[in-house]
């Protein structure tokens, strides 16, 4: 269910909304790497710390590719 666009977008949202310098320093590189397909930094570094971006990334990732689950089953 997790897609790079959903996780990267959630990290960008955290980067825009937070005021903490340490979180901002982690969120932007995590978003960039998630958009390129490496999602571990986004998942474990940002989105699991905050529940709302994690859930939004899951929903957004599912909506981004609705036919993906059907393709994997065949």
PDB file of N, CA and C in Angstrom:
ATOM      1  N   UNK A   1       0.795  -1.196   0.000  1.00  0.00           N
ATOM      2  CA  UNK A   1       0.000   0.000   0.000  1.00  0.00           C
ATOM      3  C   UNK A   1       0.843   1.269   0.000  1.00  0.00           C
ATOM      4  N   UNK A   2       2.073   1.183   0.423  1.00  0.00           N
ATOM      5  CA  UNK A   2       2.911   2.370   0.537  1.00  0.00           C
ATOM      6  C   UNK A   2       3.521   2.689  -0.818  1.00  0.00           C
ATOM      7  N   UNK A   3       3.366   3.898  -1.271  1.00  0.00           N
ATOM      8  CA  UNK A   3       3.980   4.349  -2.512  1.00  0.00           C
ATOM      9  C   UNK A   3       4.894   5.523  -2.193  1.00  0.00           C
ATOM     10  N   UNK A   4       5.900   5.732  -3.024  1.00  0.00           N
ATOM     11  CA  UNK A   4       6.846   6.810  -2.791  1.00  0.00           C
ATOM     12  C   UNK A   4       6.208   8.187  -2.809  1.00  0.00           C
ATOM     13  N   UNK A   5       5.227   8.375  -3.681  1.00  0.00           N
ATOM     14  CA  UNK A   5       4.558   9.669  -3.748  1.00  0.00           C
ATOM     15  C   UNK A   5       3.787   9.997  -2.489  1.00  0.00           C
ATOM     16  N   UNK A   6       3.129   9.001  -1.930  1.00  0.00           N
ATOM     17  CA  UNK A   6       2.373   9.226  -0.694  1.00  0.00           C
ATOM     18  C   UNK A   6       3.282   9.530   0.477  1.00  0.00           C
ATOM     19  N   UNK A   7       4.334   8.753   0.626  1.00  0.00           N
ATOM     20  CA  UNK A   7       5.281   8.980   1.722  1.00  0.00           C
ATOM     21  C   UNK A   7       6.062  10.258   1.557  1.00  0.00           C
ATOM     22  N   UNK A   8       6.459  10.539   0.324  1.00  0.00           N
ATOM     23  CA  UNK A   8       7.190  11.780   0.069  1.00  0.00           C
ATOM     24  C   UNK A   8       6.328  13.011   0.295  1.00  0.00           C
ATOM     25  N   UNK A   9       5.077  12.927  -0.117  1.00  0.00           N
ATOM     26  CA  UNK A   9       4.159  14.031   0.114  1.00  0.00           C
ATOM     27  C   UNK A   9       3.884  14.255   1.595  1.00  0.00           C
ATOM     28  N   UNK A  10       3.776  13.162   2.347  1.00  0.00           N
ATOM     29  CA  UNK A  10       3.563  13.289   3.788  1.00  0.00           C
ATOM     30  C   UNK A  10       4.781  13.925   4.458  1.00  0.00           C
ATOM     31  N   UNK A  11       5.972  13.559   4.026  1.00  0.00           N
ATOM     32  CA  UNK A  11       7.186  14.177   4.584  1.00  0.00           C
ATOM     33  C   UNK A  11       7.274  15.655   4.223  1.00  0.00           C
ATOM     34  N   UNK A  12       6.884  15.997   3.013  1.00  0.00           N
ATOM     35  CA  UNK A  12       6.872  17.416   2.644  1.00  0.00           C
ATOM     36  C   UNK A  12       5.869  18.193   3.484  1.00  0.00           C
ATOM     37  N   UNK A  13       4.720  17.582   3.761  1.00  0.00           N
ATOM     38  CA  UNK A  13       3.734  18.250   4.606  1.00  0.00           C
ATOM     39  C   UNK A  13       4.278  18.468   6.015  1.00  0.00           C
ATOM     40  N   UNK A  14       4.995  17.474   6.541  1.00  0.00           N
ATOM     41  CA  UNK A  14       5.613  17.631   7.861  1.00  0.00           C
ATOM     42  C   UNK A  14       6.664  18.727   7.807  1.00  0.00           C
ATOM     43  N   UNK A  15       7.430  18.779   6.745  1.00  0.00           N
ATOM     44  CA  UNK A  15       8.461  19.815   6.599  1.00  0.00           C
ATOM     45  C   UNK A  15       7.850  21.214   6.579  1.00  0.00           C
ATOM     46  N   UNK A  16       6.704  21.368   5.886  1.00  0.00           N
ATOM     47  CA  UNK A  16       6.048  22.668   5.831  1.00  0.00           C
ATOM     48  C   UNK A  16       5.406  23.051   7.165  1.00  0.00           C
ATOM     49  N   UNK A  17       4.833  22.086   7.868  1.00  0.00           N
ATOM     50  CA  UNK A  17       4.035  22.392   9.053  1.00  0.00           C
ATOM     51  C   UNK A  17       4.841  22.477  10.351  1.00  0.00           C
ATOM     52  N   UNK A  18       5.967  21.810  10.434  1.00  0.00           N
ATOM     53  CA  UNK A  18       6.693  21.767  11.700  1.00  0.00           C
ATOM     54  C   UNK A  18       7.545  23.018  11.900  1.00  0.00           C
ATOM     55  N   UNK A  19       7.839  23.274  13.151  1.00  0.00           N
ATOM     56  CA  UNK A  19       8.726  24.390  13.491  1.00  0.00           C
ATOM     57  C   UNK A  19      10.050  23.903  14.054  1.00  0.00           C
ATOM     58  N   UNK A  20      10.129  22.611  14.347  1.00  0.00           N
ATOM     59  CA  UNK A  20      11.353  22.048  14.906  1.00  0.00           C
ATOM     60  C   UNK A  20      12.464  21.941  13.871  1.00  0.00           C
ATOM     61  N   UNK A  21      13.619  22.425  14.230  1.00  0.00           N
ATOM     62  CA  UNK A  21      14.752  22.436  13.299  1.00  0.00           C
ATOM     63  C   UNK A  21      15.223  21.019  12.997  1.00  0.00           C
ATOM     64  N   UNK A  22      15.254  20.152  14.005  1.00  0.00           N
ATOM     65  CA  UNK A  22      15.710  18.780  13.785  1.00  0.00           C
ATOM     66  C   UNK A  22      14.768  18.005  12.875  1.00  0.00           C
ATOM     67  N   UNK A  23      13.470  18.191  13.058  1.00  0.00           N
ATOM     68  CA  UNK A  23      12.498  17.506  12.207  1.00  0.00           C
ATOM     69  C   UNK A  23      12.576  18.032  10.781  1.00  0.00           C
ATOM     70  N   UNK A  24      12.741  19.335  10.621  1.00  0.00           N
ATOM     71  CA  UNK A  24      12.881  19.898   9.280  1.00  0.00           C
ATOM     72  C   UNK A  24      14.130  19.363   8.574  1.00  0.00           C
ATOM     73  N   UNK A  25      15.197  19.173   9.348  1.00  0.00           N
ATOM     74  CA  UNK A  25      16.442  18.669   8.763  1.00  0.00           C
ATOM     75  C   UNK A  25      16.311  17.224   8.292  1.00  0.00           C
ATOM     76  N   UNK A  26      15.414  16.475   8.891  1.00  0.00           N
ATOM     77  CA  UNK A  26      15.204  15.086   8.487  1.00  0.00           C
ATOM     78  C   UNK A  26      14.126  14.975   7.416  1.00  0.00           C
ATOM     79  N   UNK A  27      13.093  15.819   7.489  1.00  0.00           N
ATOM     80  CA  UNK A  27      11.919  15.662   6.635  1.00  0.00           C
ATOM     81  C   UNK A  27      12.206  15.921   5.159  1.00  0.00           C
ATOM     82  N   UNK A  28      12.945  16.950   4.832  1.00  0.00           N
ATOM     83  CA  UNK A  28      13.174  17.277   3.424  1.00  0.00           C
ATOM     84  C   UNK A  28      13.997  16.213   2.695  1.00  0.00           C
ATOM     85  N   UNK A  29      15.142  15.757   3.233  1.00  0.00           N
ATOM     86  CA  UNK A  29      15.851  14.675   2.545  1.00  0.00           C
ATOM     87  C   UNK A  29      15.049  13.371   2.494  1.00  0.00           C
ATOM     88  N   UNK A  30      14.255  13.115   3.521  1.00  0.00           N
ATOM     89  CA  UNK A  30      13.411  11.915   3.513  1.00  0.00           C
ATOM     90  C   UNK A  30      12.362  12.001   2.417  1.00  0.00           C
ATOM     91  N   UNK A  31      11.784  13.175   2.241  1.00  0.00           N
ATOM     92  CA  UNK A  31      10.787  13.362   1.186  1.00  0.00           C
ATOM     93  C   UNK A  31      11.416  13.175  -0.188  1.00  0.00           C
ATOM     94  N   UNK A  32      12.595  13.739  -0.386  1.00  0.00           N
ATOM     95  CA  UNK A  32      13.275  13.609  -1.674  1.00  0.00           C
ATOM     96  C   UNK A  32      13.600  12.151  -1.995  1.00  0.00           C
ATOM     97  N   UNK A  33      14.126  11.421  -1.013  1.00  0.00           N
ATOM     98  CA  UNK A  33      14.457  10.015  -1.261  1.00  0.00           C
ATOM     99  C   UNK A  33      13.198   9.174  -1.449  1.00  0.00           C
ATOM    100  N   UNK A  34      12.108   9.514  -0.753  1.00  0.00           N
ATOM    101  CA  UNK A  34      10.864   8.762  -0.927  1.00  0.00           C
ATOM    102  C   UNK A  34      10.284   8.974  -2.318  1.00  0.00           C
ATOM    103  N   UNK A  35      10.396  10.182  -2.831  1.00  0.00           N
ATOM    104  CA  UNK A  35       9.912  10.435  -4.184  1.00  0.00           C
ATOM    105  C   UNK A  35      10.731   9.693  -5.229  1.00  0.00           C
ATOM    106  N   UNK A  36      11.963   9.362  -4.892  1.00  0.00           N
ATOM    107  CA  UNK A  36      12.800   8.571  -5.799  1.00  0.00           C
ATOM    108  C   UNK A  36      12.644   7.066  -5.591  1.00  0.00           C
ATOM    109  N   UNK A  37      11.889   6.661  -4.570  1.00  0.00           N
ATOM    110  CA  UNK A  37      11.601   5.252  -4.368  1.00  0.00           C
ATOM    111  C   UNK A  37      12.220   4.625  -3.139  1.00  0.00           C
ATOM    112  N   UNK A  38      13.059   5.336  -2.420  1.00  0.00           N
ATOM    113  CA  UNK A  38      13.673   4.801  -1.201  1.00  0.00           C
ATOM    114  C   UNK A  38      12.858   5.329  -0.026  1.00  0.00           C
ATOM    115  N   UNK A  39      11.954   4.515   0.495  1.00  0.00           N
ATOM    116  CA  UNK A  39      10.956   5.014   1.432  1.00  0.00           C
ATOM    117  C   UNK A  39      11.280   4.745   2.896  1.00  0.00           C
ATOM    118  N   UNK A  40      12.378   4.060   3.195  1.00  0.00           N
ATOM    119  CA  UNK A  40      12.658   3.703   4.587  1.00  0.00           C
ATOM    120  C   UNK A  40      12.864   4.934   5.467  1.00  0.00           C
ATOM    121  N   UNK A  41      13.586   5.916   4.962  1.00  0.00           N
ATOM    122  CA  UNK A  41      13.818   7.126   5.757  1.00  0.00           C
ATOM    123  C   UNK A  41      12.512   7.871   6.024  1.00  0.00           C
ATOM    124  N   UNK A  42      11.630   7.872   5.058  1.00  0.00           N
ATOM    125  CA  UNK A  42      10.346   8.545   5.247  1.00  0.00           C
ATOM    126  C   UNK A  42       9.474   7.792   6.239  1.00  0.00           C
ATOM    127  N   UNK A  43       9.453   6.482   6.140  1.00  0.00           N
ATOM    128  CA  UNK A  43       8.602   5.691   7.031  1.00  0.00           C
ATOM    129  C   UNK A  43       9.109   5.769   8.464  1.00  0.00           C
ATOM    130  N   UNK A  44      10.364   5.403   8.665  1.00  0.00           N
ATOM    131  CA  UNK A  44      10.884   5.270  10.022  1.00  0.00           C
ATOM    132  C   UNK A  44      11.380   6.592  10.608  1.00  0.00           C
ATOM    133  N   UNK A  45      11.811   7.515   9.772  1.00  0.00           N
ATOM    134  CA  UNK A  45      12.339   8.766  10.280  1.00  0.00           C
ATOM    135  C   UNK A  45      11.289   9.805  10.589  1.00  0.00           C
ATOM    136  N   UNK A  46      10.226   9.852   9.783  1.00  0.00           N
ATOM    137  CA  UNK A  46       9.226  10.911   9.935  1.00  0.00           C
ATOM    138  C   UNK A  46       7.835  10.356  10.208  1.00  0.00           C
ATOM    139  N   UNK A  47       7.345   9.517   9.337  1.00  0.00           N
ATOM    140  CA  UNK A  47       5.917   9.209   9.348  1.00  0.00           C
ATOM    141  C   UNK A  47       5.473   8.319  10.499  1.00  0.00           C
ATOM    142  N   UNK A  48       6.347   7.519  11.059  1.00  0.00           N
ATOM    143  CA  UNK A  48       5.938   6.734  12.221  1.00  0.00           C
ATOM    144  C   UNK A  48       5.978   7.555  13.507  1.00  0.00           C
ATOM    145  N   UNK A  49       6.671   8.668  13.499  1.00  0.00           N
ATOM    146  CA  UNK A  49       6.666   9.562  14.666  1.00  0.00           C
ATOM    147  C   UNK A  49       5.333  10.289  14.784  1.00  0.00           C
ATOM    148  N   UNK A  50       4.740  10.587  13.635  1.00  0.00           N
ATOM    149  CA  UNK A  50       3.488  11.335  13.597  1.00  0.00           C
ATOM    150  C   UNK A  50       2.442  10.450  12.925  1.00  0.00           C
ATOM    151  N   UNK A  51       1.329  10.246  13.559  1.00  0.00           N
ATOM    152  CA  UNK A  51       0.330   9.298  13.064  1.00  0.00           C
ATOM    153  C   UNK A  51      -0.430   9.825  11.848  1.00  0.00           C
ATOM    154  N   UNK A  52      -0.780  11.091  11.848  1.00  0.00           N
ATOM    155  CA  UNK A  52      -1.582  11.630  10.740  1.00  0.00           C
ATOM    156  C   UNK A  52      -0.874  11.555   9.385  1.00  0.00           C
ATOM    157  N   UNK A  53       0.406  11.938   9.268  1.00  0.00           N
ATOM    158  CA  UNK A  53       1.062  11.813   7.957  1.00  0.00           C
ATOM    159  C   UNK A  53       1.196  10.362   7.498  1.00  0.00           C
ATOM    160  N   UNK A  54       1.380   9.452   8.449  1.00  0.00           N
ATOM    161  CA  UNK A  54       1.507   8.046   8.085  1.00  0.00           C
ATOM    162  C   UNK A  54       0.207   7.524   7.483  1.00  0.00           C
ATOM    163  N   UNK A  55      -0.905   7.824   8.123  1.00  0.00           N
ATOM    164  CA  UNK A  55      -2.203   7.376   7.612  1.00  0.00           C
ATOM    165  C   UNK A  55      -2.521   8.066   6.290  1.00  0.00           C
ATOM    166  N   UNK A  56      -2.208   9.345   6.182  1.00  0.00           N
ATOM    167  CA  UNK A  56      -2.439  10.067   4.928  1.00  0.00           C
ATOM    168  C   UNK A  56      -1.598   9.488   3.794  1.00  0.00           C
ATOM    169  N   UNK A  57      -0.377   9.071   4.088  1.00  0.00           N
ATOM    170  CA  UNK A  57       0.474   8.469   3.060  1.00  0.00           C
ATOM    171  C   UNK A  57      -0.077   7.126   2.608  1.00  0.00           C
ATOM    172  N   UNK A  58      -0.607   6.345   3.529  1.00  0.00           N
ATOM    173  CA  UNK A  58      -1.210   5.075   3.154  1.00  0.00           C
ATOM    174  C   UNK A  58      -2.426   5.275   2.260  1.00  0.00           C
ATOM    175  N   UNK A  59      -3.276   6.205   2.634  1.00  0.00           N
ATOM    176  CA  UNK A  59      -4.475   6.475   1.834  1.00  0.00           C
ATOM    177  C   UNK A  59      -4.092   7.064   0.481  1.00  0.00           C
ATOM    178  N   UNK A  60      -3.169   8.014   0.485  1.00  0.00           N
ATOM    179  CA  UNK A  60      -2.734   8.620  -0.766  1.00  0.00           C
ATOM    180  C   UNK A  60      -2.026   7.648  -1.685  1.00  0.00           C
ATOM    181  N   UNK A  61      -1.246   6.758  -1.116  1.00  0.00           N
ATOM    182  CA  UNK A  61      -0.578   5.751  -1.926  1.00  0.00           C
ATOM    183  C   UNK A  61      -1.549   4.781  -2.557  1.00  0.00           C
ATOM    184  N   UNK A  62      -2.599   4.448  -1.837  1.00  0.00           N
ATOM    185  CA  UNK A  62      -3.612   3.543  -2.382  1.00  0.00           C
ATOM    186  C   UNK A  62      -4.401   4.225  -3.489  1.00  0.00           C
ATOM    187  N   UNK A  63      -4.691   5.494  -3.328  1.00  0.00           N
ATOM    188  CA  UNK A  63      -5.447   6.216  -4.336  1.00  0.00           C
ATOM    189  C   UNK A  63      -4.596   6.505  -5.575  1.00  0.00           C
ATOM    190  N   UNK A  64      -3.295   6.546  -5.417  1.00  0.00           N
ATOM    191  CA  UNK A  64      -2.415   6.866  -6.546  1.00  0.00           C
ATOM    192  C   UNK A  64      -2.390   5.754  -7.588  1.00  0.00           C
ATOM    193  N   UNK A  65      -2.530   4.532  -7.152  1.00  0.00           N
ATOM    194  CA  UNK A  65      -2.473   3.396  -8.086  1.00  0.00           C
ATOM    195  C   UNK A  65      -3.558   2.389  -7.732  1.00  0.00           C
ATOM    196  N   UNK A  66      -4.826   2.668  -8.085  1.00  0.00           N
ATOM    197  CA  UNK A  66      -5.911   1.775  -7.671  1.00  0.00           C
ATOM    198  C   UNK A  66      -5.844   0.396  -8.312  1.00  0.00           C
ATOM    199  N   UNK A  67      -5.233   0.252  -9.454  1.00  0.00           N
ATOM    200  CA  UNK A  67      -5.177  -1.052 -10.109  1.00  0.00           C
ATOM    201  C   UNK A  67      -3.970  -1.874  -9.721  1.00  0.00           C
ATOM    202  N   UNK A  68      -3.099  -1.360  -8.874  1.00  0.00           N
ATOM    203  CA  UNK A  68      -1.871  -2.056  -8.514  1.00  0.00           C
ATOM    204  C   UNK A  68      -2.128  -3.394  -7.844  1.00  0.00           C
ATOM    205  N   UNK A  69      -3.086  -3.459  -6.947  1.00  0.00           N
ATOM    206  CA  UNK A  69      -3.347  -4.701  -6.226  1.00  0.00           C
ATOM    207  C   UNK A  69      -3.897  -5.768  -7.175  1.00  0.00           C
ATOM    208  N   UNK A  70      -4.645  -5.365  -8.172  1.00  0.00           N
ATOM    209  CA  UNK A  70      -5.151  -6.348  -9.136  1.00  0.00           C
ATOM    210  C   UNK A  70      -4.019  -6.868 -10.003  1.00  0.00           C
ATOM    211  N   UNK A  71      -3.046  -6.022 -10.326  1.00  0.00           N
ATOM    212  CA  UNK A  71      -1.929  -6.446 -11.170  1.00  0.00           C
ATOM    213  C   UNK A  71      -1.030  -7.439 -10.424  1.00  0.00           C
ATOM    214  N   UNK A  72      -0.880  -7.275  -9.135  1.00  0.00           N
ATOM    215  CA  UNK A  72      -0.003  -8.145  -8.360  1.00  0.00           C
ATOM    216  C   UNK A  72      -0.611  -9.537  -8.160  1.00  0.00           C
ATOM    217  N   UNK A  73      -1.931  -9.644  -8.268  1.00  0.00           N
ATOM    218  CA  UNK A  73      -2.588 -10.929  -8.009  1.00  0.00           C
ATOM    219  C   UNK A  73      -2.579 -11.845  -9.211  1.00  0.00           C
ATOM    220  N   UNK A  74      -2.342 -11.353 -10.396  1.00  0.00           N
ATOM    221  CA  UNK A  74      -2.407 -12.192 -11.589  1.00  0.00           C
ATOM    222  C   UNK A  74      -1.102 -12.820 -11.915  1.00  0.00           C
TER     223      UNK A  74
END
